[in-house]
C-alpha atoms as a PDB file:
ATOM      1  CA  MET A   1      -5.565  -8.946  -6.576  1.00  0.00           C
ATOM      2  CA  ALA A   2      -3.270 -10.124  -9.364  1.00  0.00           C
ATOM      3  CA  ASP A   3      -3.166  -6.609 -10.876  1.00  0.00           C
ATOM      4  CA  LEU A   4      -2.076  -5.159  -7.541  1.00  0.00           C
ATOM      5  CA  ALA A   5       0.569  -7.843  -7.035  1.00  0.00           C
ATOM      6  CA  SER A   6       1.944  -7.209 -10.538  1.00  0.00           C
ATOM      7  CA  ALA A   7       2.060  -3.442 -10.033  1.00  0.00           C
ATOM      8  CA  LEU A   8       3.796  -3.789  -6.663  1.00  0.00           C
ATOM      9  CA  LYS A   9       6.310  -6.318  -8.022  1.00  0.00           C
ATOM     10  CA  ALA A  10       7.202  -3.910 -10.820  1.00  0.00           C
ATOM     11  CA  LEU A  11       7.580  -1.130  -8.251  1.00  0.00           C
ATOM     12  CA  ALA A  12       9.748  -3.262  -5.947  1.00  0.00           C
ATOM     13  CA  ALA A  13      11.976  -4.266  -8.864  1.00  0.00           C
ATOM     14  CA  ASP A  14      12.484  -0.580  -9.671  1.00  0.00           C
ATOM     15  CA  ASP A  15      12.866   0.587  -6.049  1.00  0.00           C
ATOM     16  CA  PRO A  16      13.006  -1.931  -3.167  1.00  0.00           C
ATOM     17  CA  SER A  17      12.142   0.837  -0.651  1.00  0.00           C
ATOM     18  CA  PRO A  18       9.431   2.967  -2.300  1.00  0.00           C
ATOM     19  CA  ASP A  19       7.887   6.082  -0.775  1.00  0.00           C
ATOM     20  CA  GLN A  20       4.207   6.962  -0.279  1.00  0.00           C
ATOM     21  CA  ALA A  21       3.799   8.553  -3.704  1.00  0.00           C
ATOM     22  CA  MET A  22       5.270   5.502  -5.429  1.00  0.00           C
ATOM     23  CA  MET A  23       2.904   3.193  -3.527  1.00  0.00           C
ATOM     24  CA  ARG A  24      -0.097   5.340  -4.494  1.00  0.00           C
ATOM     25  CA  GLN A  25       1.027   5.226  -8.125  1.00  0.00           C
ATOM     26  CA  ALA A  26       1.357   1.426  -8.024  1.00  0.00           C
ATOM     27  CA  PHE A  27      -2.194   1.153  -6.665  1.00  0.00           C
ATOM     28  CA  ALA A  28      -3.367   3.558  -9.402  1.00  0.00           C
ATOM     29  CA  THR A  29      -1.653   1.366 -11.999  1.00  0.00           C
ATOM     30  CA  ALA A  30      -3.659  -1.556 -10.585  1.00  0.00           C
ATOM     31  CA  GLY A  31      -6.905   0.385 -11.094  1.00  0.00           C
ATOM     32  CA  PHE A  32      -7.522   2.034  -7.722  1.00  0.00           C
ATOM     33  CA  ALA A  33      -8.526   5.694  -7.513  1.00  0.00           C
ATOM     34  CA  GLY A  34      -5.687   7.646  -5.896  1.00  0.00           C
ATOM     35  CA  GLU A  35      -7.840   9.282  -3.232  1.00  0.00           C
ATOM     36  CA  SER A  36      -9.136   5.896  -2.069  1.00  0.00           C
ATOM     37  CA  VAL A  37      -5.670   4.478  -1.328  1.00  0.00           C
ATOM     38  CA  GLU A  38      -4.367   4.522   2.244  1.00  0.00           C
ATOM     39  CA  VAL A  39      -0.576   4.361   2.600  1.00  0.00           C
ATOM     40  CA  SER A  40       1.545   3.943   5.709  1.00  0.00           C
ATOM     41  CA  LEU A  41       4.264   6.402   6.615  1.00  0.00           C
ATOM     42  CA  ASP A  42       7.490   6.205   4.629  1.00  0.00           C
ATOM     43  CA  ILE A  43       9.651   7.814   7.309  1.00  0.00           C
ATOM     44  CA  THR A  44       9.629   7.474  11.092  1.00  0.00           C
ATOM     45  CA  PRO A  45       8.950  10.429  13.416  1.00  0.00           C
ATOM     46  CA  THR A  46      12.706  10.556  14.080  1.00  0.00           C
ATOM     47  CA  GLY A  47      13.515  10.842  10.368  1.00  0.00           C
ATOM     48  CA  LEU A  48      14.624   7.275   9.702  1.00  0.00           C
ATOM     49  CA  ALA A  49      13.523   5.210   6.721  1.00  0.00           C
ATOM     50  CA  VAL A  50      10.864   2.590   7.474  1.00  0.00           C
ATOM     51  CA  ASP A  51      11.531  -1.143   7.058  1.00  0.00           C
ATOM     52  CA  SER A  52       8.418  -1.623   4.947  1.00  0.00           C
ATOM     53  CA  ILE A  53       5.592   0.364   3.450  1.00  0.00           C
ATOM     54  CA  ARG A  54       1.980  -0.733   3.120  1.00  0.00           C
ATOM     55  CA  GLY A  55      -0.926   0.451   1.070  1.00  0.00           C
ATOM     56  CA  ALA A  56      -4.572  -0.559   1.133  1.00  0.00           C
ATOM     57  CA  ALA A  57      -7.833   0.216  -0.611  1.00  0.00           C
ATOM     58  CA  VAL A  58     -11.382  -1.070  -0.487  1.00  0.00           C
ATOM     59  CA  ARG A  59     -12.558  -3.207  -3.390  1.00  0.00           C
ATOM     60  CA  ASP A  60     -15.710  -5.314  -3.492  1.00  0.00           C
ATOM     61  CA  GLY A  61     -16.322  -4.885   0.244  1.00  0.00           C
ATOM     62  CA  SER A  62     -12.835  -5.973   1.352  1.00  0.00           C
ATOM     63  CA  CYS A  63      -9.496  -4.279   1.924  1.00  0.00           C
ATOM     64  CA  LEU A  64      -6.689  -5.225  -0.432  1.00  0.00           C
ATOM     65  CA  PHE A  65      -3.385  -4.684   1.355  1.00  0.00           C
ATOM     66  CA  GLY A  66      -0.051  -4.549  -0.403  1.00  0.00           C
ATOM     67  CA  GLU A  67       3.338  -4.390   1.284  1.00  0.00           C
ATOM     68  CA  VAL A  68       6.849  -3.828  -0.039  1.00  0.00           C
ATOM     69  CA  ARG A  69       9.699  -4.813   2.281  1.00  0.00           C
ATOM     70  CA  GLU A  70      13.263  -4.813   0.956  1.00  0.00           C
ATOM     71  CA  GLY A  71      12.083  -5.532  -2.579  1.00  0.00           C
ATOM     72  CA  GLN A  72       9.703  -8.332  -1.568  1.00  0.00           C
ATOM     73  CA  VAL A  73       5.954  -8.006  -2.116  1.00  0.00           C
ATOM     74  CA  ALA A  74       3.024  -9.390  -0.150  1.00  0.00           C
ATOM     75  CA  VAL A  75      -0.656  -8.893  -0.984  1.00  0.00           C
ATOM     76  CA  THR A  76      -3.557  -9.979   1.196  1.00  0.00           C
ATOM     77  CA  VAL A  77      -7.290  -9.414   1.639  1.00  0.00           C
ATOM     78  CA  LEU A  78      -8.688  -8.321   5.006  1.00  0.00           C
ATOM     79  CA  PRO A  79     -12.085  -7.083   6.211  1.00  0.00           C
ATOM     80  CA  VAL A  80     -13.019  -3.419   6.002  1.00  0.00           C
ATOM     81  CA  LEU A  81     -13.036  -1.695   9.402  1.00  0.00           C
ATOM     82  CA  ALA A  82     -16.312  -0.447  10.886  1.00  0.00           C
ATOM     83  CA  ALA A  83     -15.382   3.137   9.940  1.00  0.00           C
ATOM     84  CA  GLY A  84     -15.165   2.064   6.276  1.00  0.00           C
ATOM     85  CA  ASN A  85     -11.400   2.291   5.930  1.00  0.00           C
ATOM     86  CA  CYS A  86      -8.558  -0.224   6.009  1.00  0.00           C
ATOM     87  CA  PHE A  87      -5.938   1.345   8.295  1.00  0.00           C
ATOM     88  CA  VAL A  88      -6.349   1.967  12.011  1.00  0.00           C
ATOM     89  CA  GLY A  89      -5.389   5.493  13.054  1.00  0.00           C
ATOM     90  CA  ASP A  90      -5.233   8.766  11.218  1.00  0.00           C
ATOM     91  CA  GLN A  91      -1.908   8.621   9.363  1.00  0.00           C
ATOM     92  CA  ARG A  92      -2.758   7.389   5.911  1.00  0.00           C
END
C-alpha cells in the first residue's frame, strides 16, 4: 500500500488532476500489471473534467483503491467484489 501511496503522491505533485493513462502508469510504478488496473472516467459524459479520479487493482485478495482529488491522495483497502473486480459497472 505504501508503494501505491508514494506513486500517487508523486503523480499528484506533478499533475493534481491526472487522466486515466497517468493513473494506470502510477499503479504500474507501484508494481501492478497495467491490464489489472481499473480506472474511473477522467471526463464526464458532457465533456467536463471530473473532480477526482480513482484507480483500483486486486492484490492479495483485496482491492487497493487510490484516489487523486485536487492534488490530494487517498489510498484504502476494500473487499473484492463477487465478480472478481473492484469497480461496480462496466466503465473501467
